Amino acid sequence: MASDHLHLLRIYTDMDAILEGQPYAQALLARAQILGVANAAILQVVDSYGDAGIVHGAKAVDLAPRRHVIVELVDEEPRLRGFLDSLRQGEDVGLVTIETIAIVAHGGHRHHSPS
């Protein structure tokens, strides 16, 4: 993965969205791993609003507040576009964005396989 050609793909969705009996965000993460996407994370959203200006979140005044999440994936653009092309987007998928990024630091955090 060349760090000068990296992109960030963001998929905004609801934690309770389901795809084939599995939470949609978890399905996206599993699919990204299968397709060899370099980095992926599910981020829980505390508060948010969209183009309608309605605030969603734990403190929102929604009648049925939803738990929103953002699935972020980092890799080269062709791999991320291939990932997007492989998806079936459900109706609970919100905004999907892709942008060029620059890695400014990469810590030494490493996970080890259980022995």
PDB file of N, CA and C in Angstrom:
ATOM      1  N   MET A   1       0.851  -1.171   0.000  1.00  0.00           N
ATOM      2  CA  MET A   1       0.000   0.000   0.000  1.00  0.00           C
ATOM      3  C   MET A   1       0.894   1.230   0.000  1.00  0.00           C
ATOM      4  N   ALA A   2       0.913   1.947  -1.089  1.00  0.00           N
ATOM      5  CA  ALA A   2       1.722   3.159  -1.201  1.00  0.00           C
ATOM      6  C   ALA A   2       1.019   4.304  -0.487  1.00  0.00           C
ATOM      7  N   SER A   3       1.706   4.927   0.482  1.00  0.00           N
ATOM      8  CA  SER A   3       1.052   5.946   1.303  1.00  0.00           C
ATOM      9  C   SER A   3       0.740   7.231   0.554  1.00  0.00           C
ATOM     10  N   ASP A   4       1.286   7.415  -0.657  1.00  0.00           N
ATOM     11  CA  ASP A   4       0.990   8.645  -1.396  1.00  0.00           C
ATOM     12  C   ASP A   4      -0.230   8.509  -2.301  1.00  0.00           C
ATOM     13  N   HIS A   5      -0.888   7.363  -2.314  1.00  0.00           N
ATOM     14  CA  HIS A   5      -2.081   7.160  -3.141  1.00  0.00           C
ATOM     15  C   HIS A   5      -3.260   6.647  -2.314  1.00  0.00           C
ATOM     16  N   LEU A   6      -3.295   7.003  -1.055  1.00  0.00           N
ATOM     17  CA  LEU A   6      -4.331   6.475  -0.174  1.00  0.00           C
ATOM     18  C   LEU A   6      -5.606   7.301  -0.230  1.00  0.00           C
ATOM     19  N   HIS A   7      -6.712   6.596  -0.046  1.00  0.00           N
ATOM     20  CA  HIS A   7      -8.022   7.237  -0.008  1.00  0.00           C
ATOM     21  C   HIS A   7      -8.777   6.743   1.219  1.00  0.00           C
ATOM     22  N   LEU A   8      -9.732   7.536   1.645  1.00  0.00           N
ATOM     23  CA  LEU A   8     -10.600   7.202   2.768  1.00  0.00           C
ATOM     24  C   LEU A   8     -12.023   7.101   2.249  1.00  0.00           C
ATOM     25  N   LEU A   9     -12.638   5.956   2.469  1.00  0.00           N
ATOM     26  CA  LEU A   9     -14.035   5.727   2.109  1.00  0.00           C
ATOM     27  C   LEU A   9     -14.833   5.748   3.401  1.00  0.00           C
ATOM     28  N   ARG A  10     -15.885   6.569   3.429  1.00  0.00           N
ATOM     29  CA  ARG A  10     -16.771   6.633   4.599  1.00  0.00           C
ATOM     30  C   ARG A  10     -18.173   6.229   4.178  1.00  0.00           C
ATOM     31  N   ILE A  11     -18.771   5.359   4.973  1.00  0.00           N
ATOM     32  CA  ILE A  11     -20.146   4.922   4.738  1.00  0.00           C
ATOM     33  C   ILE A  11     -20.925   5.191   6.021  1.00  0.00           C
ATOM     34  N   TYR A  12     -21.895   6.081   5.926  1.00  0.00           N
ATOM     35  CA  TYR A  12     -22.733   6.445   7.068  1.00  0.00           C
ATOM     36  C   TYR A  12     -23.966   5.544   7.068  1.00  0.00           C
ATOM     37  N   THR A  13     -24.254   4.929   8.204  1.00  0.00           N
ATOM     38  CA  THR A  13     -25.399   4.028   8.289  1.00  0.00           C
ATOM     39  C   THR A  13     -25.896   3.963   9.729  1.00  0.00           C
ATOM     40  N   ASP A  14     -26.880   3.126   9.963  1.00  0.00           N
ATOM     41  CA  ASP A  14     -27.426   2.923  11.305  1.00  0.00           C
ATOM     42  C   ASP A  14     -26.941   1.590  11.848  1.00  0.00           C
ATOM     43  N   MET A  15     -26.664   1.554  13.149  1.00  0.00           N
ATOM     44  CA  MET A  15     -26.191   0.326  13.778  1.00  0.00           C
ATOM     45  C   MET A  15     -27.230  -0.789  13.668  1.00  0.00           C
ATOM     46  N   ASP A  16     -28.510  -0.424  13.595  1.00  0.00           N
ATOM     47  CA  ASP A  16     -29.548  -1.452  13.535  1.00  0.00           C
ATOM     48  C   ASP A  16     -29.907  -1.876  12.113  1.00  0.00           C
ATOM     49  N   ALA A  17     -29.210  -1.344  11.111  1.00  0.00           N
ATOM     50  CA  ALA A  17     -29.432  -1.785   9.724  1.00  0.00           C
ATOM     51  C   ALA A  17     -28.922  -3.217   9.587  1.00  0.00           C
ATOM     52  N   ILE A  18     -29.679  -4.045   8.886  1.00  0.00           N
ATOM     53  CA  ILE A  18     -29.361  -5.474   8.769  1.00  0.00           C
ATOM     54  C   ILE A  18     -29.159  -5.847   7.303  1.00  0.00           C
ATOM     55  N   LEU A  19     -28.159  -6.676   7.045  1.00  0.00           N
ATOM     56  CA  LEU A  19     -27.924  -7.241   5.720  1.00  0.00           C
ATOM     57  C   LEU A  19     -27.698  -8.736   5.897  1.00  0.00           C
ATOM     58  N   GLU A  20     -28.573  -9.537   5.312  1.00  0.00           N
ATOM     59  CA  GLU A  20     -28.474 -10.994   5.382  1.00  0.00           C
ATOM     60  C   GLU A  20     -28.335 -11.492   6.820  1.00  0.00           C
ATOM     61  N   GLY A  21     -29.160 -10.939   7.722  1.00  0.00           N
ATOM     62  CA  GLY A  21     -29.194 -11.379   9.104  1.00  0.00           C
ATOM     63  C   GLY A  21     -28.060 -10.885   9.979  1.00  0.00           C
ATOM     64  N   GLN A  22     -27.235  -9.995   9.468  1.00  0.00           N
ATOM     65  CA  GLN A  22     -26.074  -9.498  10.202  1.00  0.00           C
ATOM     66  C   GLN A  22     -26.139  -7.973  10.211  1.00  0.00           C
ATOM     67  N   PRO A  23     -25.693  -7.320  11.308  1.00  0.00           N
ATOM     68  CA  PRO A  23     -25.644  -5.859  11.285  1.00  0.00           C
ATOM     69  C   PRO A  23     -24.845  -5.377  10.065  1.00  0.00           C
ATOM     70  N   TYR A  24     -25.399  -4.394   9.351  1.00  0.00           N
ATOM     71  CA  TYR A  24     -24.808  -3.932   8.096  1.00  0.00           C
ATOM     72  C   TYR A  24     -23.362  -3.470   8.280  1.00  0.00           C
ATOM     73  N   ALA A  25     -23.092  -2.725   9.351  1.00  0.00           N
ATOM     74  CA  ALA A  25     -21.730  -2.239   9.581  1.00  0.00           C
ATOM     75  C   ALA A  25     -20.764  -3.407   9.767  1.00  0.00           C
ATOM     76  N   GLN A  26     -21.184  -4.434  10.506  1.00  0.00           N
ATOM     77  CA  GLN A  26     -20.342  -5.616  10.697  1.00  0.00           C
ATOM     78  C   GLN A  26     -20.130  -6.353   9.382  1.00  0.00           C
ATOM     79  N   ALA A  27     -21.182  -6.412   8.563  1.00  0.00           N
ATOM     80  CA  ALA A  27     -21.070  -7.061   7.249  1.00  0.00           C
ATOM     81  C   ALA A  27     -20.075  -6.310   6.369  1.00  0.00           C
ATOM     82  N   LEU A  28     -20.096  -4.977   6.442  1.00  0.00           N
ATOM     83  CA  LEU A  28     -19.141  -4.180   5.664  1.00  0.00           C
ATOM     84  C   LEU A  28     -17.712  -4.452   6.117  1.00  0.00           C
ATOM     85  N   LEU A  29     -17.506  -4.501   7.428  1.00  0.00           N
ATOM     86  CA  LEU A  29     -16.174  -4.754   7.969  1.00  0.00           C
ATOM     87  C   LEU A  29     -15.666  -6.130   7.538  1.00  0.00           C
ATOM     88  N   ALA A  30     -16.516  -7.141   7.634  1.00  0.00           N
ATOM     89  CA  ALA A  30     -16.130  -8.496   7.225  1.00  0.00           C
ATOM     90  C   ALA A  30     -15.817  -8.542   5.735  1.00  0.00           C
ATOM     91  N   ARG A  31     -16.643  -7.874   4.932  1.00  0.00           N
ATOM     92  CA  ARG A  31     -16.431  -7.842   3.477  1.00  0.00           C
ATOM     93  C   ARG A  31     -15.111  -7.152   3.145  1.00  0.00           C
ATOM     94  N   ALA A  32     -14.809  -6.055   3.834  1.00  0.00           N
ATOM     95  CA  ALA A  32     -13.554  -5.335   3.608  1.00  0.00           C
ATOM     96  C   ALA A  32     -12.357  -6.239   3.900  1.00  0.00           C
ATOM     97  N   GLN A  33     -12.449  -7.009   4.970  1.00  0.00           N
ATOM     98  CA  GLN A  33     -11.350  -7.910   5.327  1.00  0.00           C
ATOM     99  C   GLN A  33     -11.176  -8.997   4.273  1.00  0.00           C
ATOM    100  N   ILE A  34     -12.278  -9.567   3.803  1.00  0.00           N
ATOM    101  CA  ILE A  34     -12.222 -10.602   2.766  1.00  0.00           C
ATOM    102  C   ILE A  34     -11.590 -10.063   1.490  1.00  0.00           C
ATOM    103  N   LEU A  35     -11.924  -8.815   1.138  1.00  0.00           N
ATOM    104  CA  LEU A  35     -11.411  -8.213  -0.094  1.00  0.00           C
ATOM    105  C   LEU A  35     -10.016  -7.618   0.065  1.00  0.00           C
ATOM    106  N   GLY A  36      -9.438  -7.717   1.266  1.00  0.00           N
ATOM    107  CA  GLY A  36      -8.070  -7.263   1.476  1.00  0.00           C
ATOM    108  C   GLY A  36      -7.900  -5.770   1.639  1.00  0.00           C
ATOM    109  N   VAL A  37      -8.955  -5.064   2.055  1.00  0.00           N
ATOM    110  CA  VAL A  37      -8.829  -3.629   2.315  1.00  0.00           C
ATOM    111  C   VAL A  37      -7.855  -3.455   3.477  1.00  0.00           C
ATOM    112  N   ALA A  38      -6.925  -2.500   3.345  1.00  0.00           N
ATOM    113  CA  ALA A  38      -5.822  -2.354   4.292  1.00  0.00           C
ATOM    114  C   ALA A  38      -6.266  -2.021   5.715  1.00  0.00           C
ATOM    115  N   ASN A  39      -7.181  -1.079   5.880  1.00  0.00           N
ATOM    116  CA  ASN A  39      -7.611  -0.640   7.206  1.00  0.00           C
ATOM    117  C   ASN A  39      -9.109  -0.381   7.196  1.00  0.00           C
ATOM    118  N   ALA A  40      -9.777  -0.753   8.284  1.00  0.00           N
ATOM    119  CA  ALA A  40     -11.212  -0.506   8.393  1.00  0.00           C
ATOM    120  C   ALA A  40     -11.586  -0.337   9.859  1.00  0.00           C
ATOM    121  N   ALA A  41     -12.603   0.479  10.103  1.00  0.00           N
ATOM    122  CA  ALA A  41     -13.082   0.712  11.464  1.00  0.00           C
ATOM    123  C   ALA A  41     -14.557   1.076  11.429  1.00  0.00           C
ATOM    124  N   ILE A  42     -15.250   0.747  12.517  1.00  0.00           N
ATOM    125  CA  ILE A  42     -16.627   1.185  12.708  1.00  0.00           C
ATOM    126  C   ILE A  42     -16.590   2.212  13.832  1.00  0.00           C
ATOM    127  N   LEU A  43     -17.050   3.414  13.539  1.00  0.00           N
ATOM    128  CA  LEU A  43     -17.042   4.502  14.512  1.00  0.00           C
ATOM    129  C   LEU A  43     -18.465   4.804  14.957  1.00  0.00           C
ATOM    130  N   GLN A  44     -18.692   4.831  16.258  1.00  0.00           N
ATOM    131  CA  GLN A  44     -20.020   5.145  16.779  1.00  0.00           C
ATOM    132  C   GLN A  44     -20.184   6.660  16.831  1.00  0.00           C
ATOM    133  N   VAL A  45     -21.314   7.138  16.348  1.00  0.00           N
ATOM    134  CA  VAL A  45     -21.601   8.569  16.299  1.00  0.00           C
ATOM    135  C   VAL A  45     -22.391   8.956  17.549  1.00  0.00           C
ATOM    136  N   VAL A  46     -21.936   9.989  18.237  1.00  0.00           N
ATOM    137  CA  VAL A  46     -22.635  10.464  19.426  1.00  0.00           C
ATOM    138  C   VAL A  46     -23.809  11.346  19.022  1.00  0.00           C
ATOM    139  N   ASP A  47     -23.566  12.342  18.217  1.00  0.00           N
ATOM    140  CA  ASP A  47     -24.592  13.248  17.702  1.00  0.00           C
ATOM    141  C   ASP A  47     -24.269  13.576  16.261  1.00  0.00           C
ATOM    142  N   SER A  48     -25.299  13.833  15.468  1.00  0.00           N
ATOM    143  CA  SER A  48     -25.083  14.200  14.067  1.00  0.00           C
ATOM    144  C   SER A  48     -26.323  14.884  13.521  1.00  0.00           C
ATOM    145  N   TYR A  49     -26.157  15.521  12.371  1.00  0.00           N
ATOM    146  CA  TYR A  49     -27.307  16.016  11.622  1.00  0.00           C
ATOM    147  C   TYR A  49     -26.960  15.972  10.153  1.00  0.00           C
ATOM    148  N   GLY A  50     -27.982  15.910   9.319  1.00  0.00           N
ATOM    149  CA  GLY A  50     -27.787  15.848   7.877  1.00  0.00           C
ATOM    150  C   GLY A  50     -28.390  17.056   7.202  1.00  0.00           C
ATOM    151  N   ASP A  51     -28.674  16.913   5.914  1.00  0.00           N
ATOM    152  CA  ASP A  51     -29.161  18.049   5.143  1.00  0.00           C
ATOM    153  C   ASP A  51     -30.529  18.549   5.604  1.00  0.00           C
ATOM    154  N   ALA A  52     -31.280  17.718   6.320  1.00  0.00           N
ATOM    155  CA  ALA A  52     -32.583  18.153   6.845  1.00  0.00           C
ATOM    156  C   ALA A  52     -32.427  18.974   8.124  1.00  0.00           C
ATOM    157  N   GLY A  53     -31.220  18.966   8.711  1.00  0.00           N
ATOM    158  CA  GLY A  53     -30.964  19.744   9.914  1.00  0.00           C
ATOM    159  C   GLY A  53     -31.489  19.121  11.191  1.00  0.00           C
ATOM    160  N   ILE A  54     -31.936  17.872  11.147  1.00  0.00           N
ATOM    161  CA  ILE A  54     -32.459  17.191  12.334  1.00  0.00           C
ATOM    162  C   ILE A  54     -31.300  16.527  13.070  1.00  0.00           C
ATOM    163  N   VAL A  55     -31.162  16.841  14.361  1.00  0.00           N
ATOM    164  CA  VAL A  55     -30.094  16.254  15.164  1.00  0.00           C
ATOM    165  C   VAL A  55     -30.510  14.853  15.591  1.00  0.00           C
ATOM    166  N   HIS A  56     -29.595  13.896  15.391  1.00  0.00           N
ATOM    167  CA  HIS A  56     -29.816  12.500  15.770  1.00  0.00           C
ATOM    168  C   HIS A  56     -28.782  12.131  16.822  1.00  0.00           C
ATOM    169  N   GLY A  57     -29.170  11.330  17.768  1.00  0.00           N
ATOM    170  CA  GLY A  57     -28.199  10.854  18.740  1.00  0.00           C
ATOM    171  C   GLY A  57     -28.816  10.614  20.092  1.00  0.00           C
ATOM    172  N   ALA A  58     -27.966  10.314  21.061  1.00  0.00           N
ATOM    173  CA  ALA A  58     -28.432   9.952  22.394  1.00  0.00           C
ATOM    174  C   ALA A  58     -29.209  11.083  23.056  1.00  0.00           C
ATOM    175  N   LYS A  59     -28.840  12.331  22.774  1.00  0.00           N
ATOM    176  CA  LYS A  59     -29.505  13.466  23.404  1.00  0.00           C
ATOM    177  C   LYS A  59     -30.545  14.095  22.494  1.00  0.00           C
ATOM    178  N   ALA A  60     -30.765  13.519  21.342  1.00  0.00           N
ATOM    179  CA  ALA A  60     -31.696  14.102  20.381  1.00  0.00           C
ATOM    180  C   ALA A  60     -33.133  13.925  20.852  1.00  0.00           C
ATOM    181  N   VAL A  61     -34.019  14.703  20.260  1.00  0.00           N
ATOM    182  CA  VAL A  61     -35.427  14.632  20.639  1.00  0.00           C
ATOM    183  C   VAL A  61     -36.223  13.805  19.640  1.00  0.00           C
ATOM    184  N   ASP A  62     -35.548  12.904  18.925  1.00  0.00           N
ATOM    185  CA  ASP A  62     -36.241  11.983  18.020  1.00  0.00           C
ATOM    186  C   ASP A  62     -37.227  11.135  18.819  1.00  0.00           C
ATOM    187  N   LEU A  63     -38.313  10.744  18.187  1.00  0.00           N
ATOM    188  CA  LEU A  63     -39.238   9.821  18.839  1.00  0.00           C
ATOM    189  C   LEU A  63     -38.604   8.447  18.982  1.00  0.00           C
ATOM    190  N   ALA A  64     -37.806   8.053  18.010  1.00  0.00           N
ATOM    191  CA  ALA A  64     -37.116   6.763  18.052  1.00  0.00           C
ATOM    192  C   ALA A  64     -35.671   6.982  17.623  1.00  0.00           C
ATOM    193  N   PRO A  65     -34.820   7.478  18.537  1.00  0.00           N
ATOM    194  CA  PRO A  65     -33.435   7.756  18.145  1.00  0.00           C
ATOM    195  C   PRO A  65     -32.720   6.488  17.700  1.00  0.00           C
ATOM    196  N   ARG A  66     -31.898   6.627  16.660  1.00  0.00           N
ATOM    197  CA  ARG A  66     -31.142   5.490  16.137  1.00  0.00           C
ATOM    198  C   ARG A  66     -29.675   5.689  16.484  1.00  0.00           C
ATOM    199  N   ARG A  67     -28.977   4.591  16.538  1.00  0.00           N
ATOM    200  CA  ARG A  67     -27.536   4.658  16.777  1.00  0.00           C
ATOM    201  C   ARG A  67     -26.858   4.697  15.420  1.00  0.00           C
ATOM    202  N   HIS A  68     -26.261   5.815  15.115  1.00  0.00           N
ATOM    203  CA  HIS A  68     -25.595   5.983  13.832  1.00  0.00           C
ATOM    204  C   HIS A  68     -24.134   5.562  13.950  1.00  0.00           C
ATOM    205  N   VAL A  69     -23.604   5.011  12.865  1.00  0.00           N
ATOM    206  CA  VAL A  69     -22.203   4.623  12.799  1.00  0.00           C
ATOM    207  C   VAL A  69     -21.623   5.063  11.460  1.00  0.00           C
ATOM    208  N   ILE A  70     -20.315   5.195  11.444  1.00  0.00           N
ATOM    209  CA  ILE A  70     -19.581   5.471  10.213  1.00  0.00           C
ATOM    210  C   ILE A  70     -18.584   4.335  10.039  1.00  0.00           C
ATOM    211  N   VAL A  71     -18.615   3.706   8.885  1.00  0.00           N
ATOM    212  CA  VAL A  71     -17.626   2.688   8.556  1.00  0.00           C
ATOM    213  C   VAL A  71     -16.562   3.387   7.722  1.00  0.00           C
ATOM    214  N   GLU A  72     -15.319   3.371   8.200  1.00  0.00           N
ATOM    215  CA  GLU A  72     -14.213   4.005   7.485  1.00  0.00           C
ATOM    216  C   GLU A  72     -13.255   2.941   6.982  1.00  0.00           C
ATOM    217  N   LEU A  73     -12.845   3.086   5.721  1.00  0.00           N
ATOM    218  CA  LEU A  73     -11.886   2.171   5.113  1.00  0.00           C
ATOM    219  C   LEU A  73     -10.781   2.990   4.464  1.00  0.00           C
ATOM    220  N   VAL A  74      -9.541   2.554   4.632  1.00  0.00           N
ATOM    221  CA  VAL A  74      -8.388   3.234   4.045  1.00  0.00           C
ATOM    222  C   VAL A  74      -7.638   2.253   3.159  1.00  0.00           C
ATOM    223  N   ASP A  75      -7.411   2.647   1.919  1.00  0.00           N
ATOM    224  CA  ASP A  75      -6.633   1.844   0.976  1.00  0.00           C
ATOM    225  C   ASP A  75      -6.452   2.683  -0.284  1.00  0.00           C
ATOM    226  N   GLU A  76      -5.885   2.075  -1.305  1.00  0.00           N
ATOM    227  CA  GLU A  76      -5.759   2.759  -2.588  1.00  0.00           C
ATOM    228  C   GLU A  76      -7.128   2.831  -3.253  1.00  0.00           C
ATOM    229  N   GLU A  77      -7.345   3.873  -4.042  1.00  0.00           N
ATOM    230  CA  GLU A  77      -8.662   4.129  -4.627  1.00  0.00           C
ATOM    231  C   GLU A  77      -9.233   2.958  -5.428  1.00  0.00           C
ATOM    232  N   PRO A  78      -8.459   2.282  -6.287  1.00  0.00           N
ATOM    233  CA  PRO A  78      -9.051   1.176  -7.051  1.00  0.00           C
ATOM    234  C   PRO A  78      -9.635   0.070  -6.160  1.00  0.00           C
ATOM    235  N   ARG A  79      -8.958  -0.243  -5.060  1.00  0.00           N
ATOM    236  CA  ARG A  79      -9.470  -1.279  -4.158  1.00  0.00           C
ATOM    237  C   ARG A  79     -10.760  -0.811  -3.481  1.00  0.00           C
ATOM    238  N   LEU A  80     -10.805   0.464  -3.071  1.00  0.00           N
ATOM    239  CA  LEU A  80     -12.013   0.990  -2.430  1.00  0.00           C
ATOM    240  C   LEU A  80     -13.176   1.062  -3.412  1.00  0.00           C
ATOM    241  N   ARG A  81     -12.905   1.438  -4.656  1.00  0.00           N
ATOM    242  CA  ARG A  81     -13.968   1.473  -5.676  1.00  0.00           C
ATOM    243  C   ARG A  81     -14.472   0.054  -5.947  1.00  0.00           C
ATOM    244  N   GLY A  82     -13.559  -0.918  -5.964  1.00  0.00           N
ATOM    245  CA  GLY A  82     -13.959  -2.313  -6.130  1.00  0.00           C
ATOM    246  C   GLY A  82     -14.819  -2.781  -4.970  1.00  0.00           C
ATOM    247  N   PHE A  83     -14.460  -2.352  -3.764  1.00  0.00           N
ATOM    248  CA  PHE A  83     -15.264  -2.666  -2.583  1.00  0.00           C
ATOM    249  C   PHE A  83     -16.669  -2.094  -2.741  1.00  0.00           C
ATOM    250  N   LEU A  84     -16.762  -0.835  -3.148  1.00  0.00           N
ATOM    251  CA  LEU A  84     -18.072  -0.196  -3.359  1.00  0.00           C
ATOM    252  C   LEU A  84     -18.890  -0.935  -4.408  1.00  0.00           C
ATOM    253  N   ASP A  85     -18.242  -1.324  -5.497  1.00  0.00           N
ATOM    254  CA  ASP A  85     -18.947  -2.021  -6.582  1.00  0.00           C
ATOM    255  C   ASP A  85     -19.488  -3.378  -6.135  1.00  0.00           C
ATOM    256  N   SER A  86     -18.880  -3.962  -5.099  1.00  0.00           N
ATOM    257  CA  SER A  86     -19.296  -5.286  -4.634  1.00  0.00           C
ATOM    258  C   SER A  86     -20.456  -5.231  -3.640  1.00  0.00           C
ATOM    259  N   LEU A  87     -20.851  -4.033  -3.241  1.00  0.00           N
ATOM    260  CA  LEU A  87     -21.861  -3.899  -2.189  1.00  0.00           C
ATOM    261  C   LEU A  87     -23.276  -3.855  -2.712  1.00  0.00           C
ATOM    262  N   ARG A  88     -24.160  -4.365  -1.884  1.00  0.00           N
ATOM    263  CA  ARG A  88     -25.594  -4.137  -2.071  1.00  0.00           C
ATOM    264  C   ARG A  88     -25.977  -3.120  -1.017  1.00  0.00           C
ATOM    265  N   GLN A  89     -26.291  -1.923  -1.446  1.00  0.00           N
ATOM    266  CA  GLN A  89     -26.612  -0.885  -0.479  1.00  0.00           C
ATOM    267  C   GLN A  89     -28.059  -0.996  -0.042  1.00  0.00           C
ATOM    268  N   GLY A  90     -28.245  -1.052   1.261  1.00  0.00           N
ATOM    269  CA  GLY A  90     -29.586  -1.100   1.815  1.00  0.00           C
ATOM    270  C   GLY A  90     -30.169   0.296   1.924  1.00  0.00           C
ATOM    271  N   GLU A  91     -31.429   0.348   2.290  1.00  0.00           N
ATOM    272  CA  GLU A  91     -32.091   1.640   2.393  1.00  0.00           C
ATOM    273  C   GLU A  91     -31.612   2.435   3.599  1.00  0.00           C
ATOM    274  N   ASP A  92     -30.950   1.775   4.557  1.00  0.00           N
ATOM    275  CA  ASP A  92     -30.451   2.468   5.737  1.00  0.00           C
ATOM    276  C   ASP A  92     -29.065   3.068   5.538  1.00  0.00           C
ATOM    277  N   VAL A  93     -28.524   2.972   4.333  1.00  0.00           N
ATOM    278  CA  VAL A  93     -27.229   3.576   4.045  1.00  0.00           C
ATOM    279  C   VAL A  93     -27.460   5.046   3.751  1.00  0.00           C
ATOM    280  N   GLY A  94     -26.690   5.881   4.416  1.00  0.00           N
ATOM    281  CA  GLY A  94     -26.796   7.313   4.189  1.00  0.00           C
ATOM    282  C   GLY A  94     -25.729   7.767   3.217  1.00  0.00           C
ATOM    283  N   LEU A  95     -25.020   8.772   3.615  1.00  0.00           N
ATOM    284  CA  LEU A  95     -23.974   9.375   2.808  1.00  0.00           C
ATOM    285  C   LEU A  95     -22.803   8.408   2.621  1.00  0.00           C
ATOM    286  N   VAL A  96     -22.243   8.375   1.418  1.00  0.00           N
ATOM    287  CA  VAL A  96     -21.036   7.602   1.121  1.00  0.00           C
ATOM    288  C   VAL A  96     -20.063   8.573   0.473  1.00  0.00           C
ATOM    289  N   THR A  97     -18.850   8.703   1.045  1.00  0.00           N
ATOM    290  CA  THR A  97     -17.857   9.635   0.510  1.00  0.00           C
ATOM    291  C   THR A  97     -16.531   8.922   0.298  1.00  0.00           C
ATOM    292  N   ILE A  98     -15.720   9.473  -0.594  1.00  0.00           N
ATOM    293  CA  ILE A  98     -14.354   8.990  -0.795  1.00  0.00           C
ATOM    294  C   ILE A  98     -13.477  10.213  -1.016  1.00  0.00           C
ATOM    295  N   GLU A  99     -12.315  10.208  -0.389  1.00  0.00           N
ATOM    296  CA  GLU A  99     -11.424  11.358  -0.496  1.00  0.00           C
ATOM    297  C   GLU A  99      -9.967  10.904  -0.414  1.00  0.00           C
ATOM    298  N   THR A 100      -9.093  11.704  -0.971  1.00  0.00           N
ATOM    299  CA  THR A 100      -7.658  11.466  -0.891  1.00  0.00           C
ATOM    300  C   THR A 100      -7.178  11.865   0.497  1.00  0.00           C
ATOM    301  N   ILE A 101      -6.294  11.064   1.074  1.00  0.00           N
ATOM    302  CA  ILE A 101      -5.745  11.383   2.389  1.00  0.00           C
ATOM    303  C   ILE A 101      -4.225  11.306   2.351  1.00  0.00           C
ATOM    304  N   ALA A 102      -3.605  11.887   3.354  1.00  0.00           N
ATOM    305  CA  ALA A 102      -2.158  11.798   3.538  1.00  0.00           C
ATOM    306  C   ALA A 102      -1.908  11.265   4.944  1.00  0.00           C
ATOM    307  N   ILE A 103      -1.105  10.235   5.064  1.00  0.00           N
ATOM    308  CA  ILE A 103      -0.734   9.696   6.370  1.00  0.00           C
ATOM    309  C   ILE A 103       0.344  10.613   6.938  1.00  0.00           C
ATOM    310  N   VAL A 104       0.086  11.193   8.110  1.00  0.00           N
ATOM    311  CA  VAL A 104       1.064  12.090   8.716  1.00  0.00           C
ATOM    312  C   VAL A 104       1.813  11.424   9.864  1.00  0.00           C
ATOM    313  N   ALA A 105       1.271  10.338  10.385  1.00  0.00           N
ATOM    314  CA  ALA A 105       1.943   9.568  11.430  1.00  0.00           C
ATOM    315  C   ALA A 105       1.327   8.181  11.459  1.00  0.00           C
ATOM    316  N   HIS A 106       2.108   7.222  11.859  1.00  0.00           N
ATOM    317  CA  HIS A 106       1.610   5.858  12.015  1.00  0.00           C
ATOM    318  C   HIS A 106       2.294   5.281  13.234  1.00  0.00           C
ATOM    319  N   GLY A 107       1.540   5.097  14.306  1.00  0.00           N
ATOM    320  CA  GLY A 107       2.108   4.625  15.562  1.00  0.00           C
ATOM    321  C   GLY A 107       2.567   3.185  15.499  1.00  0.00           C
ATOM    322  N   GLY A 108       3.171   2.750  16.564  1.00  0.00           N
ATOM    323  CA  GLY A 108       3.702   1.397  16.630  1.00  0.00           C
ATOM    324  C   GLY A 108       2.737   0.383  17.208  1.00  0.00           C
ATOM    325  N   HIS A 109       1.444   0.694  17.246  1.00  0.00           N
ATOM    326  CA  HIS A 109       0.439  -0.212  17.809  1.00  0.00           C
ATOM    327  C   HIS A 109       0.378  -1.483  16.972  1.00  0.00           C
ATOM    328  N   ARG A 110       0.681  -2.594  17.587  1.00  0.00           N
ATOM    329  CA  ARG A 110       0.673  -3.873  16.879  1.00  0.00           C
ATOM    330  C   ARG A 110      -0.115  -4.894  17.684  1.00  0.00           C
ATOM    331  N   HIS A 111      -0.877  -5.711  17.008  1.00  0.00           N
ATOM    332  CA  HIS A 111      -1.594  -6.809  17.644  1.00  0.00           C
ATOM    333  C   HIS A 111      -0.861  -8.097  17.329  1.00  0.00           C
ATOM    334  N   HIS A 112      -0.854  -8.977  18.269  1.00  0.00           N
ATOM    335  CA  HIS A 112      -0.201 -10.268  18.076  1.00  0.00           C
ATOM    336  C   HIS A 112      -1.253 -11.359  18.081  1.00  0.00           C
ATOM    337  N   SER A 113      -1.057 -12.344  17.240  1.00  0.00           N
ATOM    338  CA  SER A 113      -1.977 -13.479  17.188  1.00  0.00           C
ATOM    339  C   SER A 113      -1.869 -14.276  18.474  1.00  0.00           C
ATOM    340  N   PRO A 114      -3.010 -14.799  18.954  1.00  0.00           N
ATOM    341  CA  PRO A 114      -2.937 -15.648  20.153  1.00  0.00           C
ATOM    342  C   PRO A 114      -2.141 -16.913  19.855  1.00  0.00           C
ATOM    343  N   SER A 115      -1.350 -17.342  20.804  1.00  0.00           N
ATOM    344  CA  SER A 115      -0.511 -18.537  20.613  1.00  0.00           C
ATOM    345  C   SER A 115      -1.277 -19.792  20.882  1.00  0.00           C
TER     346      SER A 115
END
